[in-house]
């Protein structure tokens, strides 16, 4: 973990394996966890049937 290395300056390399993965950054503000979760639910709802899972 980055926090455990006790470094204050430097570069971190992040690698994500997978065709549908993504890495992003966002400024943390109060309420962000709730708002971001709600945004993702609107973009990709959990409670609908996705055709690509059934092929």
PDB file of N, CA and C in Angstrom:
ATOM      1  N   UNK A   1       0.822  -1.182   0.000  1.00  0.00           N
ATOM      2  CA  UNK A   1       0.000   0.000   0.000  1.00  0.00           C
ATOM      3  C   UNK A   1       0.872   1.253   0.000  1.00  0.00           C
ATOM      4  N   UNK A   2       0.405   2.258  -0.691  1.00  0.00           N
ATOM      5  CA  UNK A   2       1.139   3.516  -0.768  1.00  0.00           C
ATOM      6  C   UNK A   2       1.246   4.167   0.606  1.00  0.00           C
ATOM      7  N   UNK A   3       0.168   4.156   1.378  1.00  0.00           N
ATOM      8  CA  UNK A   3       0.190   4.776   2.705  1.00  0.00           C
ATOM      9  C   UNK A   3       1.217   4.129   3.627  1.00  0.00           C
ATOM     10  N   UNK A   4       1.429   2.839   3.487  1.00  0.00           N
ATOM     11  CA  UNK A   4       2.323   2.111   4.376  1.00  0.00           C
ATOM     12  C   UNK A   4       3.801   2.367   4.091  1.00  0.00           C
ATOM     13  N   UNK A   5       4.143   2.893   2.932  1.00  0.00           N
ATOM     14  CA  UNK A   5       5.555   3.087   2.597  1.00  0.00           C
ATOM     15  C   UNK A   5       6.144   4.333   3.255  1.00  0.00           C
ATOM     16  N   UNK A   6       5.320   5.195   3.819  1.00  0.00           N
ATOM     17  CA  UNK A   6       5.750   6.389   4.560  1.00  0.00           C
ATOM     18  C   UNK A   6       6.503   7.405   3.695  1.00  0.00           C
ATOM     19  N   UNK A   7       6.305   7.392   2.412  1.00  0.00           N
ATOM     20  CA  UNK A   7       6.925   8.372   1.514  1.00  0.00           C
ATOM     21  C   UNK A   7       6.011   9.586   1.395  1.00  0.00           C
ATOM     22  N   UNK A   8       6.607  10.755   1.250  1.00  0.00           N
ATOM     23  CA  UNK A   8       5.834  11.986   1.133  1.00  0.00           C
ATOM     24  C   UNK A   8       5.856  12.537  -0.289  1.00  0.00           C
ATOM     25  N   UNK A   9       6.833  12.158  -1.074  1.00  0.00           N
ATOM     26  CA  UNK A   9       6.953  12.615  -2.463  1.00  0.00           C
ATOM     27  C   UNK A   9       7.348  11.439  -3.339  1.00  0.00           C
ATOM     28  N   UNK A  10       6.931  11.494  -4.583  1.00  0.00           N
ATOM     29  CA  UNK A  10       7.324  10.439  -5.507  1.00  0.00           C
ATOM     30  C   UNK A  10       6.267  10.179  -6.552  1.00  0.00           C
ATOM     31  N   UNK A  11       6.463   9.096  -7.260  1.00  0.00           N
ATOM     32  CA  UNK A  11       5.564   8.695  -8.342  1.00  0.00           C
ATOM     33  C   UNK A  11       5.057   7.288  -8.048  1.00  0.00           C
ATOM     34  N   UNK A  12       3.778   7.077  -8.270  1.00  0.00           N
ATOM     35  CA  UNK A  12       3.175   5.761  -8.117  1.00  0.00           C
ATOM     36  C   UNK A  12       2.675   5.316  -9.484  1.00  0.00           C
ATOM     37  N   UNK A  13       3.019   4.110  -9.858  1.00  0.00           N
ATOM     38  CA  UNK A  13       2.521   3.539 -11.107  1.00  0.00           C
ATOM     39  C   UNK A  13       1.345   2.626 -10.778  1.00  0.00           C
ATOM     40  N   UNK A  14       0.232   2.840 -11.479  1.00  0.00           N
ATOM     41  CA  UNK A  14      -0.961   2.025 -11.279  1.00  0.00           C
ATOM     42  C   UNK A  14      -1.249   1.307 -12.575  1.00  0.00           C
ATOM     43  N   UNK A  15      -1.387  -0.005 -12.507  1.00  0.00           N
ATOM     44  CA  UNK A  15      -1.676  -0.816 -13.688  1.00  0.00           C
ATOM     45  C   UNK A  15      -2.989  -1.545 -13.464  1.00  0.00           C
ATOM     46  N   UNK A  16      -3.877  -1.465 -14.428  1.00  0.00           N
ATOM     47  CA  UNK A  16      -5.158  -2.153 -14.336  1.00  0.00           C
ATOM     48  C   UNK A  16      -5.257  -3.115 -15.506  1.00  0.00           C
ATOM     49  N   UNK A  17      -5.406  -4.368 -15.196  1.00  0.00           N
ATOM     50  CA  UNK A  17      -5.533  -5.389 -16.221  1.00  0.00           C
ATOM     51  C   UNK A  17      -7.018  -5.640 -16.496  1.00  0.00           C
ATOM     52  N   UNK A  18      -7.398  -5.603 -17.730  1.00  0.00           N
ATOM     53  CA  UNK A  18      -8.789  -5.869 -18.086  1.00  0.00           C
ATOM     54  C   UNK A  18      -9.301  -4.871 -19.093  1.00  0.00           C
ATOM     55  N   UNK A  19     -10.172  -5.326 -19.963  1.00  0.00           N
ATOM     56  CA  UNK A  19     -10.669  -4.469 -21.040  1.00  0.00           C
ATOM     57  C   UNK A  19     -11.726  -3.478 -20.573  1.00  0.00           C
ATOM     58  N   UNK A  20     -12.342  -3.715 -19.427  1.00  0.00           N
ATOM     59  CA  UNK A  20     -13.381  -2.804 -18.955  1.00  0.00           C
ATOM     60  C   UNK A  20     -12.980  -2.084 -17.677  1.00  0.00           C
ATOM     61  N   UNK A  21     -11.713  -2.101 -17.350  1.00  0.00           N
ATOM     62  CA  UNK A  21     -11.231  -1.452 -16.129  1.00  0.00           C
ATOM     63  C   UNK A  21     -10.869   0.001 -16.408  1.00  0.00           C
ATOM     64  N   UNK A  22     -10.815   0.793 -15.350  1.00  0.00           N
ATOM     65  CA  UNK A  22     -10.455   2.199 -15.488  1.00  0.00           C
ATOM     66  C   UNK A  22      -9.807   2.701 -14.205  1.00  0.00           C
ATOM     67  N   UNK A  23      -8.953   3.681 -14.354  1.00  0.00           N
ATOM     68  CA  UNK A  23      -8.342   4.358 -13.216  1.00  0.00           C
ATOM     69  C   UNK A  23      -8.623   5.840 -13.384  1.00  0.00           C
ATOM     70  N   UNK A  24      -9.016   6.499 -12.318  1.00  0.00           N
ATOM     71  CA  UNK A  24      -9.298   7.924 -12.394  1.00  0.00           C
ATOM     72  C   UNK A  24      -8.905   8.585 -11.085  1.00  0.00           C
ATOM     73  N   UNK A  25      -8.898   9.880 -11.088  1.00  0.00           N
ATOM     74  CA  UNK A  25      -8.679  10.636  -9.859  1.00  0.00           C
ATOM     75  C   UNK A  25      -9.840  11.596  -9.679  1.00  0.00           C
ATOM     76  N   UNK A  26     -10.091  11.957  -8.440  1.00  0.00           N
ATOM     77  CA  UNK A  26     -11.172  12.884  -8.160  1.00  0.00           C
ATOM     78  C   UNK A  26     -10.855  13.598  -6.852  1.00  0.00           C
ATOM     79  N   UNK A  27     -11.188  14.859  -6.783  1.00  0.00           N
ATOM     80  CA  UNK A  27     -10.966  15.621  -5.559  1.00  0.00           C
ATOM     81  C   UNK A  27     -11.998  15.213  -4.523  1.00  0.00           C
ATOM     82  N   UNK A  28     -11.536  14.830  -3.344  1.00  0.00           N
ATOM     83  CA  UNK A  28     -12.448  14.388  -2.296  1.00  0.00           C
ATOM     84  C   UNK A  28     -13.146  15.580  -1.653  1.00  0.00           C
ATOM     85  N   UNK A  29     -14.455  15.496  -1.574  1.00  0.00           N
ATOM     86  CA  UNK A  29     -15.267  16.494  -0.889  1.00  0.00           C
ATOM     87  C   UNK A  29     -16.317  15.760  -0.077  1.00  0.00           C
ATOM     88  N   UNK A  30     -16.824  16.417   0.959  1.00  0.00           N
ATOM     89  CA  UNK A  30     -17.858  15.812   1.787  1.00  0.00           C
ATOM     90  C   UNK A  30     -19.047  15.412   0.903  1.00  0.00           C
ATOM     91  N   UNK A  31     -19.553  14.221   1.090  1.00  0.00           N
ATOM     92  CA  UNK A  31     -20.685  13.733   0.303  1.00  0.00           C
ATOM     93  C   UNK A  31     -20.280  13.022  -0.975  1.00  0.00           C
ATOM     94  N   UNK A  32     -18.993  13.007  -1.285  1.00  0.00           N
ATOM     95  CA  UNK A  32     -18.525  12.417  -2.543  1.00  0.00           C
ATOM     96  C   UNK A  32     -18.853  10.936  -2.655  1.00  0.00           C
ATOM     97  N   UNK A  33     -18.640  10.181  -1.591  1.00  0.00           N
ATOM     98  CA  UNK A  33     -18.907   8.736  -1.651  1.00  0.00           C
ATOM     99  C   UNK A  33     -20.361   8.469  -2.015  1.00  0.00           C
ATOM    100  N   UNK A  34     -21.270   9.219  -1.429  1.00  0.00           N
ATOM    101  CA  UNK A  34     -22.690   9.041  -1.731  1.00  0.00           C
ATOM    102  C   UNK A  34     -22.991   9.454  -3.172  1.00  0.00           C
ATOM    103  N   UNK A  35     -22.521  10.625  -3.567  1.00  0.00           N
ATOM    104  CA  UNK A  35     -22.815  11.136  -4.910  1.00  0.00           C
ATOM    105  C   UNK A  35     -22.220  10.256  -6.000  1.00  0.00           C
ATOM    106  N   UNK A  36     -20.989   9.786  -5.798  1.00  0.00           N
ATOM    107  CA  UNK A  36     -20.335   8.973  -6.827  1.00  0.00           C
ATOM    108  C   UNK A  36     -21.024   7.625  -6.970  1.00  0.00           C
ATOM    109  N   UNK A  37     -21.419   7.047  -5.853  1.00  0.00           N
ATOM    110  CA  UNK A  37     -22.162   5.791  -5.889  1.00  0.00           C
ATOM    111  C   UNK A  37     -23.495   5.957  -6.624  1.00  0.00           C
ATOM    112  N   UNK A  38     -24.191   7.052  -6.349  1.00  0.00           N
ATOM    113  CA  UNK A  38     -25.466   7.326  -7.027  1.00  0.00           C
ATOM    114  C   UNK A  38     -25.250   7.532  -8.525  1.00  0.00           C
ATOM    115  N   UNK A  39     -24.179   8.210  -8.887  1.00  0.00           N
ATOM    116  CA  UNK A  39     -23.858   8.424 -10.306  1.00  0.00           C
ATOM    117  C   UNK A  39     -23.636   7.093 -11.015  1.00  0.00           C
ATOM    118  N   UNK A  40     -22.843   6.214 -10.417  1.00  0.00           N
ATOM    119  CA  UNK A  40     -22.571   4.921 -11.046  1.00  0.00           C
ATOM    120  C   UNK A  40     -23.822   4.071 -11.167  1.00  0.00           C
ATOM    121  N   UNK A  41     -24.711   4.181 -10.196  1.00  0.00           N
ATOM    122  CA  UNK A  41     -25.972   3.439 -10.266  1.00  0.00           C
ATOM    123  C   UNK A  41     -26.833   3.925 -11.426  1.00  0.00           C
ATOM    124  N   UNK A  42     -26.796   5.225 -11.711  1.00  0.00           N
ATOM    125  CA  UNK A  42     -27.555   5.751 -12.859  1.00  0.00           C
ATOM    126  C   UNK A  42     -26.911   5.355 -14.183  1.00  0.00           C
ATOM    127  N   UNK A  43     -25.587   5.331 -14.234  1.00  0.00           N
ATOM    128  CA  UNK A  43     -24.878   5.002 -15.476  1.00  0.00           C
ATOM    129  C   UNK A  43     -24.984   3.511 -15.791  1.00  0.00           C
ATOM    130  N   UNK A  44     -24.824   2.671 -14.775  1.00  0.00           N
ATOM    131  CA  UNK A  44     -24.852   1.219 -14.971  1.00  0.00           C
ATOM    132  C   UNK A  44     -25.684   0.577 -13.866  1.00  0.00           C
ATOM    133  N   UNK A  45     -27.016   0.618 -13.994  1.00  0.00           N
ATOM    134  CA  UNK A  45     -27.893   0.078 -12.964  1.00  0.00           C
ATOM    135  C   UNK A  45     -27.624  -1.404 -12.684  1.00  0.00           C
ATOM    136  N   UNK A  46     -27.759  -1.775 -11.437  1.00  0.00           N
ATOM    137  CA  UNK A  46     -27.529  -3.162 -11.032  1.00  0.00           C
ATOM    138  C   UNK A  46     -28.762  -4.032 -11.301  1.00  0.00           C
ATOM    139  N   UNK A  47     -29.942  -3.462 -11.192  1.00  0.00           N
ATOM    140  CA  UNK A  47     -31.178  -4.238 -11.209  1.00  0.00           C
ATOM    141  C   UNK A  47     -31.805  -4.398 -12.594  1.00  0.00           C
ATOM    142  N   UNK A  48     -31.012  -4.351 -13.663  1.00  0.00           N
ATOM    143  CA  UNK A  48     -31.548  -4.621 -14.989  1.00  0.00           C
ATOM    144  C   UNK A  48     -30.801  -5.806 -15.599  1.00  0.00           C
ATOM    145  N   UNK A  49     -31.414  -6.435 -16.575  1.00  0.00           N
ATOM    146  CA  UNK A  49     -30.809  -7.589 -17.226  1.00  0.00           C
ATOM    147  C   UNK A  49     -29.908  -7.101 -18.367  1.00  0.00           C
ATOM    148  N   UNK A  50     -28.642  -7.428 -18.299  1.00  0.00           N
ATOM    149  CA  UNK A  50     -27.696  -7.076 -19.344  1.00  0.00           C
ATOM    150  C   UNK A  50     -27.550  -8.253 -20.303  1.00  0.00           C
ATOM    151  N   UNK A  51     -27.727  -8.007 -21.582  1.00  0.00           N
ATOM    152  CA  UNK A  51     -27.690  -9.070 -22.597  1.00  0.00           C
ATOM    153  C   UNK A  51     -26.307  -9.711 -22.679  1.00  0.00           C
ATOM    154  N   UNK A  52     -25.238  -8.934 -22.544  1.00  0.00           N
ATOM    155  CA  UNK A  52     -23.905  -9.486 -22.726  1.00  0.00           C
ATOM    156  C   UNK A  52     -23.526 -10.525 -21.662  1.00  0.00           C
ATOM    157  N   UNK A  53     -24.224 -10.575 -20.550  1.00  0.00           N
ATOM    158  CA  UNK A  53     -23.950 -11.604 -19.551  1.00  0.00           C
ATOM    159  C   UNK A  53     -24.544 -12.953 -19.959  1.00  0.00           C
ATOM    160  N   UNK A  54     -25.483 -12.943 -20.871  1.00  0.00           N
ATOM    161  CA  UNK A  54     -26.199 -14.160 -21.245  1.00  0.00           C
ATOM    162  C   UNK A  54     -25.803 -14.722 -22.596  1.00  0.00           C
ATOM    163  N   UNK A  55     -24.707 -14.255 -23.153  1.00  0.00           N
ATOM    164  CA  UNK A  55     -24.313 -14.761 -24.482  1.00  0.00           C
ATOM    165  C   UNK A  55     -23.193 -15.751 -24.376  1.00  0.00           C
TER     166      UNK A  55
END
